[in-house]
PDB file of N, CA and C in Angstrom:
ATOM      1  N   MET A   1     142.420 110.224 106.051  1.00  0.00           N
ATOM      2  CA  MET A   1     141.078 110.066 106.591  1.00  0.00           C
ATOM      3  C   MET A   1     140.145 111.047 105.957  1.00  0.00           C
ATOM      4  N   ILE A   2     138.927 110.618 105.716  1.00  0.00           N
ATOM      5  CA  ILE A   2     137.896 111.438 105.144  1.00  0.00           C
ATOM      6  C   ILE A   2     136.732 111.506 106.100  1.00  0.00           C
ATOM      7  N   GLY A   3     136.444 112.689 106.594  1.00  0.00           N
ATOM      8  CA  GLY A   3     135.299 112.860 107.513  1.00  0.00           C
ATOM      9  C   GLY A   3     135.422 111.965 108.751  1.00  0.00           C
ATOM     10  N   GLY A   4     136.641 111.708 109.203  1.00  0.00           N
ATOM     11  CA  GLY A   4     136.804 110.902 110.412  1.00  0.00           C
ATOM     12  C   GLY A   4     136.779 109.383 110.149  1.00  0.00           C
ATOM     13  N   GLU A   5     136.626 108.977 108.865  1.00  0.00           N
ATOM     14  CA  GLU A   5     136.641 107.581 108.503  1.00  0.00           C
ATOM     15  C   GLU A   5     137.908 107.196 107.812  1.00  0.00           C
ATOM     16  N   LEU A   6     138.358 105.964 107.940  1.00  0.00           N
ATOM     17  CA  LEU A   6     139.541 105.513 107.257  1.00  0.00           C
ATOM     18  C   LEU A   6     139.260 105.422 105.765  1.00  0.00           C
ATOM     19  N   ASP A   7     140.272 105.820 104.961  1.00  0.00           N
ATOM     20  CA  ASP A   7     140.122 105.704 103.505  1.00  0.00           C
ATOM     21  C   ASP A   7     140.787 104.378 103.151  1.00  0.00           C
ATOM     22  N   LEU A   8     140.000 103.327 103.159  1.00  0.00           N
ATOM     23  CA  LEU A   8     140.493 101.986 102.884  1.00  0.00           C
ATOM     24  C   LEU A   8     140.490 101.630 101.418  1.00  0.00           C
ATOM     25  N   LEU A   9     141.434 100.739 101.064  1.00  0.00           N
ATOM     26  CA  LEU A   9     141.453 100.195  99.705  1.00  0.00           C
ATOM     27  C   LEU A   9     140.238  99.271  99.490  1.00  0.00           C
ATOM     28  N   PRO A  10     139.792  99.060  98.278  1.00  0.00           N
ATOM     29  CA  PRO A  10     138.635  98.236  98.036  1.00  0.00           C
ATOM     30  C   PRO A  10     138.774  96.810  98.611  1.00  0.00           C
ATOM     31  N   ASP A  11     140.006  96.283  98.637  1.00  0.00           N
ATOM     32  CA  ASP A  11     140.229  94.941  99.195  1.00  0.00           C
ATOM     33  C   ASP A  11     140.023  94.863 100.688  1.00  0.00           C
ATOM     34  N   GLU A  12     140.103  96.002 101.339  1.00  0.00           N
ATOM     35  CA  GLU A  12     139.999  96.037 102.805  1.00  0.00           C
ATOM     36  C   GLU A  12     138.582  96.391 103.292  1.00  0.00           C
ATOM     37  N   ILE A  13     137.645  96.462 102.361  1.00  0.00           N
ATOM     38  CA  ILE A  13     136.257  96.816 102.753  1.00  0.00           C
ATOM     39  C   ILE A  13     135.366  95.615 102.577  1.00  0.00           C
ATOM     40  N   ASN A  14     134.543  95.380 103.535  1.00  0.00           N
ATOM     41  CA  ASN A  14     133.557  94.290 103.482  1.00  0.00           C
ATOM     42  C   ASN A  14     132.321  94.829 102.750  1.00  0.00           C
ATOM     43  N   TRP A  15     132.251  94.563 101.424  1.00  0.00           N
ATOM     44  CA  TRP A  15     131.161  95.058 100.579  1.00  0.00           C
ATOM     45  C   TRP A  15     130.446  93.935  99.884  1.00  0.00           C
ATOM     46  N   ARG A  16     129.173  93.977  99.994  1.00  0.00           N
ATOM     47  CA  ARG A  16     128.343  92.972  99.271  1.00  0.00           C
ATOM     48  C   ARG A  16     127.667  93.638  98.063  1.00  0.00           C
ATOM     49  N   ASP A  17     127.730  92.983  96.940  1.00  0.00           N
ATOM     50  CA  ASP A  17     127.105  93.439  95.712  1.00  0.00           C
ATOM     51  C   ASP A  17     125.627  93.145  95.757  1.00  0.00           C
ATOM     52  N   GLU A  18     124.839  94.110  96.267  1.00  0.00           N
ATOM     53  CA  GLU A  18     123.378  93.886  96.455  1.00  0.00           C
ATOM     54  C   GLU A  18     122.618  94.597  95.378  1.00  0.00           C
ATOM     55  N   GLY A  19     123.278  95.284  94.470  1.00  0.00           N
ATOM     56  CA  GLY A  19     122.595  95.946  93.373  1.00  0.00           C
ATOM     57  C   GLY A  19     121.689  97.084  93.863  1.00  0.00           C
ATOM     58  N   CYS A  20     120.605  97.284  93.146  1.00  0.00           N
ATOM     59  CA  CYS A  20     119.680  98.388  93.508  1.00  0.00           C
ATOM     60  C   CYS A  20     118.254  97.912  93.192  1.00  0.00           C
ATOM     61  N   GLU A  21     117.356  98.832  93.256  1.00  0.00           N
ATOM     62  CA  GLU A  21     115.939  98.544  92.981  1.00  0.00           C
ATOM     63  C   GLU A  21     115.765  98.081  91.502  1.00  0.00           C
ATOM     64  N   LEU A  22     116.675  98.529  90.602  1.00  0.00           N
ATOM     65  CA  LEU A  22     116.533  98.257  89.208  1.00  0.00           C
ATOM     66  C   LEU A  22     117.269  97.009  88.732  1.00  0.00           C
ATOM     67  N   PHE A  23     118.468  96.785  89.248  1.00  0.00           N
ATOM     68  CA  PHE A  23     119.306  95.668  88.820  1.00  0.00           C
ATOM     69  C   PHE A  23     119.833  94.941  90.024  1.00  0.00           C
ATOM     70  N   PRO A  24     119.884  93.622  89.983  1.00  0.00           N
ATOM     71  CA  PRO A  24     120.296  92.832  91.142  1.00  0.00           C
ATOM     72  C   PRO A  24     121.760  92.856  91.490  1.00  0.00           C
ATOM     73  N   SER A  25     122.608  93.336  90.558  1.00  0.00           N
ATOM     74  CA  SER A  25     124.046  93.327  90.776  1.00  0.00           C
ATOM     75  C   SER A  25     124.717  94.574  90.182  1.00  0.00           C
ATOM     76  N   CYS A  26     125.480  95.286  91.045  1.00  0.00           N
ATOM     77  CA  CYS A  26     126.232  96.415  90.580  1.00  0.00           C
ATOM     78  C   CYS A  26     127.290  96.064  89.572  1.00  0.00           C
ATOM     79  N   LEU A  27     127.971  94.925  89.822  1.00  0.00           N
ATOM     80  CA  LEU A  27     129.064  94.533  89.001  1.00  0.00           C
ATOM     81  C   LEU A  27     128.633  94.037  87.625  1.00  0.00           C
ATOM     82  N   ASN A  28     127.368  93.654  87.484  1.00  0.00           N
ATOM     83  CA  ASN A  28     126.832  93.187  86.201  1.00  0.00           C
ATOM     84  C   ASN A  28     125.807  94.151  85.617  1.00  0.00           C
ATOM     85  N   CYS A  29     125.756  95.372  86.176  1.00  0.00           N
ATOM     86  CA  CYS A  29     124.775  96.370  85.696  1.00  0.00           C
ATOM     87  C   CYS A  29     125.107  96.818  84.275  1.00  0.00           C
ATOM     88  N   PRO A  30     124.117  96.905  83.381  1.00  0.00           N
ATOM     89  CA  PRO A  30     124.376  97.340  81.993  1.00  0.00           C
ATOM     90  C   PRO A  30     124.530  98.848  81.821  1.00  0.00           C
ATOM     91  N   LEU A  31     124.262  99.596  82.865  1.00  0.00           N
ATOM     92  CA  LEU A  31     124.326 101.052  82.731  1.00  0.00           C
ATOM     93  C   LEU A  31     125.767 101.567  82.828  1.00  0.00           C
ATOM     94  N   PRO A  32     126.097 102.606  82.039  1.00  0.00           N
ATOM     95  CA  PRO A  32     127.470 103.144  82.124  1.00  0.00           C
ATOM     96  C   PRO A  32     127.749 103.888  83.401  1.00  0.00           C
ATOM     97  N   LYS A  33     126.729 104.407  84.050  1.00  0.00           N
ATOM     98  CA  LYS A  33     126.943 105.145  85.319  1.00  0.00           C
ATOM     99  C   LYS A  33     125.777 104.773  86.239  1.00  0.00           C
ATOM    100  N   CYS A  34     126.119 104.633  87.501  1.00  0.00           N
ATOM    101  CA  CYS A  34     125.130 104.183  88.488  1.00  0.00           C
ATOM    102  C   CYS A  34     124.010 105.186  88.640  1.00  0.00           C
ATOM    103  N   VAL A  35     122.743 104.681  88.571  1.00  0.00           N
ATOM    104  CA  VAL A  35     121.573 105.601  88.777  1.00  0.00           C
ATOM    105  C   VAL A  35     121.561 106.155  90.148  1.00  0.00           C
ATOM    106  N   GLU A  36     122.134 105.486  91.119  1.00  0.00           N
ATOM    107  CA  GLU A  36     122.155 105.989  92.475  1.00  0.00           C
ATOM    108  C   GLU A  36     123.081 107.251  92.643  1.00  0.00           C
ATOM    109  N   ASP A  37     123.985 107.388  91.681  1.00  0.00           N
ATOM    110  CA  ASP A  37     124.912 108.548  91.729  1.00  0.00           C
ATOM    111  C   ASP A  37     124.323 109.764  91.058  1.00  0.00           C
ATOM    112  N   GLU A  38     123.260 109.631  90.338  1.00  0.00           N
ATOM    113  CA  GLU A  38     122.651 110.754  89.586  1.00  0.00           C
ATOM    114  C   GLU A  38     121.437 111.275  90.366  1.00  0.00           C
ATOM    115  N   PRO A  39     121.254 112.582  90.375  1.00  0.00           N
ATOM    116  CA  PRO A  39     120.000 113.129  91.004  1.00  0.00           C
ATOM    117  C   PRO A  39     118.800 112.627  90.255  1.00  0.00           C
ATOM    118  N   ARG A  40     117.897 112.059  90.980  1.00  0.00           N
ATOM    119  CA  ARG A  40     116.635 111.457  90.380  1.00  0.00           C
ATOM    120  C   ARG A  40     116.967 110.434  89.322  1.00  0.00           C
ATOM    121  N   GLY A  41     118.050 109.741  89.484  1.00  0.00           N
ATOM    122  CA  GLY A  41     118.510 108.744  88.470  1.00  0.00           C
ATOM    123  C   GLY A  41     117.534 107.629  88.195  1.00  0.00           C
ATOM    124  N   GLN A  42     117.007 107.024  89.264  1.00  0.00           N
ATOM    125  CA  GLN A  42     116.051 105.924  89.030  1.00  0.00           C
ATOM    126  C   GLN A  42     114.798 106.436  88.410  1.00  0.00           C
ATOM    127  N   GLN A  43     114.311 107.578  88.861  1.00  0.00           N
ATOM    128  CA  GLN A  43     113.106 108.156  88.264  1.00  0.00           C
ATOM    129  C   GLN A  43     113.289 108.451  86.803  1.00  0.00           C
ATOM    130  N   ARG A  44     114.427 109.061  86.440  1.00  0.00           N
ATOM    131  CA  ARG A  44     114.722 109.399  85.047  1.00  0.00           C
ATOM    132  C   ARG A  44     114.810 108.144  84.203  1.00  0.00           C
ATOM    133  N   LEU A  45     115.453 107.114  84.727  1.00  0.00           N
ATOM    134  CA  LEU A  45     115.588 105.841  83.951  1.00  0.00           C
ATOM    135  C   LEU A  45     114.202 105.240  83.680  1.00  0.00           C
ATOM    136  N   ARG A  46     113.361 105.213  84.727  1.00  0.00           N
ATOM    137  CA  ARG A  46     112.033 104.649  84.581  1.00  0.00           C
ATOM    138  C   ARG A  46     111.205 105.433  83.530  1.00  0.00           C
ATOM    139  N   MET A  47     111.310 106.802  83.586  1.00  0.00           N
ATOM    140  CA  MET A  47     110.564 107.613  82.654  1.00  0.00           C
ATOM    141  C   MET A  47     111.087 107.427  81.232  1.00  0.00           C
ATOM    142  N   GLU A  48     112.379 107.300  81.056  1.00  0.00           N
ATOM    143  CA  GLU A  48     112.892 107.089  79.699  1.00  0.00           C
ATOM    144  C   GLU A  48     112.484 105.709  79.181  1.00  0.00           C
ATOM    145  N   THR A  49     112.477 104.710  80.056  1.00  0.00           N
ATOM    146  CA  THR A  49     112.082 103.385  79.642  1.00  0.00           C
ATOM    147  C   THR A  49     110.556 103.431  79.259  1.00  0.00           C
ATOM    148  N   ARG A  50     109.760 104.089  80.050  1.00  0.00           N
ATOM    149  CA  ARG A  50     108.304 104.188  79.741  1.00  0.00           C
ATOM    150  C   ARG A  50     108.104 104.914  78.437  1.00  0.00           C
ATOM    151  N   LYS A  51     108.866 105.969  78.209  1.00  0.00           N
ATOM    152  CA  LYS A  51     108.738 106.700  76.963  1.00  0.00           C
ATOM    153  C   LYS A  51     109.076 105.821  75.767  1.00  0.00           C
ATOM    154  N   ARG A  52     110.159 105.015  75.825  1.00  0.00           N
ATOM    155  CA  ARG A  52     110.486 104.114  74.732  1.00  0.00           C
ATOM    156  C   ARG A  52     109.375 103.078  74.484  1.00  0.00           C
ATOM    157  N   ARG A  53     108.768 102.621  75.572  1.00  0.00           N
ATOM    158  CA  ARG A  53     107.665 101.622  75.423  1.00  0.00           C
ATOM    159  C   ARG A  53     106.488 102.287  74.779  1.00  0.00           C
ATOM    160  N   MET A  54     106.210 103.549  75.127  1.00  0.00           N
ATOM    161  CA  MET A  54     105.073 104.273  74.530  1.00  0.00           C
ATOM    162  C   MET A  54     105.298 104.464  73.025  1.00  0.00           C
ATOM    163  N   VAL A  55     106.508 104.869  72.687  1.00  0.00           N
ATOM    164  CA  VAL A  55     106.858 105.037  71.270  1.00  0.00           C
ATOM    165  C   VAL A  55     106.679 103.726  70.489  1.00  0.00           C
ATOM    166  N   GLU A  56     107.172 102.661  71.063  1.00  0.00           N
ATOM    167  CA  GLU A  56     107.037 101.360  70.449  1.00  0.00           C
ATOM    168  C   GLU A  56     105.557 100.946  70.261  1.00  0.00           C
ATOM    169  N   LEU A  57     104.757 101.121  71.248  1.00  0.00           N
ATOM    170  CA  LEU A  57     103.354 100.834  71.152  1.00  0.00           C
ATOM    171  C   LEU A  57     102.653 101.658  70.082  1.00  0.00           C
ATOM    172  N   ARG A  58     103.002 102.931  69.986  1.00  0.00           N
ATOM    173  CA  ARG A  58     102.443 103.832  68.963  1.00  0.00           C
ATOM    174  C   ARG A  58     102.874 103.372  67.577  1.00  0.00           C
ATOM    175  N   ARG A  59     104.135 102.968  67.452  1.00  0.00           N
ATOM    176  CA  ARG A  59     104.666 102.501  66.190  1.00  0.00           C
ATOM    177  C   ARG A  59     103.912 101.188  65.728  1.00  0.00           C
ATOM    178  N   ARG A  60     103.407 100.420  66.700  1.00  0.00           N
ATOM    179  CA  ARG A  60     102.669  99.161  66.384  1.00  0.00           C
ATOM    180  C   ARG A  60     101.199  99.457  66.167  1.00  0.00           C
ATOM    181  N   GLY A  61     100.810 100.747  66.172  1.00  0.00           N
ATOM    182  CA  GLY A  61      99.480 101.055  65.833  1.00  0.00           C
ATOM    183  C   GLY A  61      98.476 101.347  66.979  1.00  0.00           C
ATOM    184  N   GLN A  62      98.961 101.331  68.210  1.00  0.00           N
ATOM    185  CA  GLN A  62      98.098 101.629  69.334  1.00  0.00           C
ATOM    186  C   GLN A  62      97.717 103.120  69.314  1.00  0.00           C
ATOM    187  N   SER A  63      96.533 103.458  69.726  1.00  0.00           N
ATOM    188  CA  SER A  63      96.137 104.870  69.797  1.00  0.00           C
ATOM    189  C   SER A  63      96.711 105.512  71.040  1.00  0.00           C
ATOM    190  N   VAL A  64      96.738 106.833  71.069  1.00  0.00           N
ATOM    191  CA  VAL A  64      97.194 107.575  72.252  1.00  0.00           C
ATOM    192  C   VAL A  64      96.319 107.201  73.456  1.00  0.00           C
ATOM    193  N   THR A  65      94.989 107.125  73.238  1.00  0.00           N
ATOM    194  CA  THR A  65      94.091 106.764  74.307  1.00  0.00           C
ATOM    195  C   THR A  65      94.402 105.384  74.847  1.00  0.00           C
ATOM    196  N   GLU A  66      94.625 104.418  73.997  1.00  0.00           N
ATOM    197  CA  GLU A  66      94.956 103.046  74.437  1.00  0.00           C
ATOM    198  C   GLU A  66      96.300 102.991  75.250  1.00  0.00           C
ATOM    199  N   ILE A  67      97.251 103.763  74.761  1.00  0.00           N
ATOM    200  CA  ILE A  67      98.556 103.781  75.468  1.00  0.00           C
ATOM    201  C   ILE A  67      98.401 104.433  76.824  1.00  0.00           C
ATOM    202  N   ALA A  68      97.624 105.537  76.878  1.00  0.00           N
ATOM    203  CA  ALA A  68      97.376 106.204  78.151  1.00  0.00           C
ATOM    204  C   ALA A  68      96.718 105.269  79.139  1.00  0.00           C
ATOM    205  N   GLY A  69      95.747 104.503  78.680  1.00  0.00           N
ATOM    206  CA  GLY A  69      95.038 103.541  79.551  1.00  0.00           C
ATOM    207  C   GLY A  69      95.984 102.446  80.032  1.00  0.00           C
ATOM    208  N   PHE A  70      96.811 101.957  79.153  1.00  0.00           N
ATOM    209  CA  PHE A  70      97.757 100.889  79.493  1.00  0.00           C
ATOM    210  C   PHE A  70      98.701 101.352  80.598  1.00  0.00           C
ATOM    211  N   PHE A  71      99.203 102.588  80.542  1.00  0.00           N
ATOM    212  CA  PHE A  71     100.161 103.078  81.562  1.00  0.00           C
ATOM    213  C   PHE A  71      99.492 103.790  82.716  1.00  0.00           C
ATOM    214  N   GLY A  72      98.175 104.042  82.614  1.00  0.00           N
ATOM    215  CA  GLY A  72      97.486 104.700  83.664  1.00  0.00           C
ATOM    216  C   GLY A  72      97.881 106.183  83.788  1.00  0.00           C
ATOM    217  N   VAL A  73      98.082 106.809  82.624  1.00  0.00           N
ATOM    218  CA  VAL A  73      98.456 108.239  82.609  1.00  0.00           C
ATOM    219  C   VAL A  73      97.493 108.959  81.677  1.00  0.00           C
ATOM    220  N   SER A  74      97.622 110.255  81.646  1.00  0.00           N
ATOM    221  CA  SER A  74      96.706 111.062  80.796  1.00  0.00           C
ATOM    222  C   SER A  74      97.151 111.012  79.338  1.00  0.00           C
ATOM    223  N   ARG A  75      96.264 111.345  78.459  1.00  0.00           N
ATOM    224  CA  ARG A  75      96.603 111.418  77.004  1.00  0.00           C
ATOM    225  C   ARG A  75      97.724 112.402  76.784  1.00  0.00           C
ATOM    226  N   ARG A  76      97.686 113.533  77.512  1.00  0.00           N
ATOM    227  CA  ARG A  76      98.733 114.552  77.352  1.00  0.00           C
ATOM    228  C   ARG A  76     100.096 114.033  77.727  1.00  0.00           C
ATOM    229  N   THR A  77     100.167 113.172  78.735  1.00  0.00           N
ATOM    230  CA  THR A  77     101.476 112.608  79.110  1.00  0.00           C
ATOM    231  C   THR A  77     101.998 111.766  77.963  1.00  0.00           C
ATOM    232  N   VAL A  78     101.137 110.997  77.345  1.00  0.00           N
ATOM    233  CA  VAL A  78     101.549 110.182  76.191  1.00  0.00           C
ATOM    234  C   VAL A  78     101.971 111.099  75.032  1.00  0.00           C
ATOM    235  N   GLU A  79     101.195 112.113  74.769  1.00  0.00           N
ATOM    236  CA  GLU A  79     101.578 113.044  73.675  1.00  0.00           C
ATOM    237  C   GLU A  79     102.886 113.713  73.886  1.00  0.00           C
ATOM    238  N   ARG A  80     103.221 114.057  75.138  1.00  0.00           N
ATOM    239  CA  ARG A  80     104.542 114.637  75.430  1.00  0.00           C
ATOM    240  C   ARG A  80     105.621 113.643  75.196  1.00  0.00           C
ATOM    241  N   ALA A  81     105.375 112.338  75.590  1.00  0.00           N
ATOM    242  CA  ALA A  81     106.393 111.306  75.418  1.00  0.00           C
ATOM    243  C   ALA A  81     106.614 111.030  73.928  1.00  0.00           C
ATOM    244  N   LEU A  82     105.601 111.188  73.116  1.00  0.00           N
ATOM    245  CA  LEU A  82     105.720 110.872  71.732  1.00  0.00           C
ATOM    246  C   LEU A  82     106.304 112.046  70.886  1.00  0.00           C
ATOM    247  N   SER A  83     106.225 113.229  71.412  1.00  0.00           N
ATOM    248  CA  SER A  83     106.688 114.381  70.626  1.00  0.00           C
ATOM    249  C   SER A  83     108.211 114.471  70.739  1.00  0.00           C
ATOM    250  N   PRO A  84     108.843 114.883  69.614  1.00  0.00           N
ATOM    251  CA  PRO A  84     110.298 115.009  69.651  1.00  0.00           C
ATOM    252  C   PRO A  84     110.679 116.186  70.530  1.00  0.00           C
ATOM    253  N   ARG A  85     111.792 116.094  71.255  1.00  0.00           N
ATOM    254  CA  ARG A  85     112.220 117.178  72.134  1.00  0.00           C
ATOM    255  C   ARG A  85     112.719 118.320  71.242  1.00  0.00           C
ATOM    256  N   LYS A  86     112.373 119.510  71.650  1.00  0.00           N
ATOM    257  CA  LYS A  86     112.786 120.696  70.922  1.00  0.00           C
ATOM    258  C   LYS A  86     114.228 121.094  71.318  1.00  0.00           C
ATOM    259  N   SER A  87     114.963 121.642  70.361  1.00  0.00           N
ATOM    260  CA  SER A  87     116.365 122.002  70.669  1.00  0.00           C
ATOM    261  C   SER A  87     116.435 123.181  71.656  1.00  0.00           C
ATOM    262  N   HIS A  88     115.368 123.910  71.784  1.00  0.00           N
ATOM    263  CA  HIS A  88     115.390 125.052  72.759  1.00  0.00           C
ATOM    264  C   HIS A  88     114.700 124.669  74.044  1.00  0.00           C
ATOM    265  N   ASP A  89     114.717 123.379  74.409  1.00  0.00           N
ATOM    266  CA  ASP A  89     114.100 122.879  75.631  1.00  0.00           C
ATOM    267  C   ASP A  89     114.750 123.688  76.843  1.00  0.00           C
ATOM    268  N   ARG A  90     113.902 124.207  77.691  1.00  0.00           N
ATOM    269  CA  ARG A  90     114.337 125.048  78.799  1.00  0.00           C
ATOM    270  C   ARG A  90     115.299 124.310  79.743  1.00  0.00           C
ATOM    271  N   ARG A  91     115.111 123.022  79.901  1.00  0.00           N
ATOM    272  CA  ARG A  91     116.009 122.254  80.823  1.00  0.00           C
ATOM    273  C   ARG A  91     117.421 122.165  80.333  1.00  0.00           C
ATOM    274  N   ASN A  92     117.664 122.432  79.050  1.00  0.00           N
ATOM    275  CA  ASN A  92     118.994 122.317  78.525  1.00  0.00           C
ATOM    276  C   ASN A  92     119.718 123.647  78.425  1.00  0.00           C
ATOM    277  N   THR A  93     119.057 124.735  78.837  1.00  0.00           N
ATOM    278  CA  THR A  93     119.683 126.048  78.682  1.00  0.00           C
ATOM    279  C   THR A  93     120.193 126.573  79.996  1.00  0.00           C
TER     280      THR A  93
END
């Protein structure tokens, strides 16, 4: 028993694959690890996706101002997304 609950095998649990806010099915999810298991996982995934879209728009010739307007963010937010991460990034130390 774990915390007063029975530790049942997967076959003995009534579980419905309802997915999450991002993908309709857990069993068909393309991610290697569930975003629900990571701290701020959904937020991080959304930000990474937005960053990739910003980079792609810039590659296609859109200006920083146009990209900022499209996403409803500041020019500085777009500039941060477009700049390469530094190896001495404080979050990685």
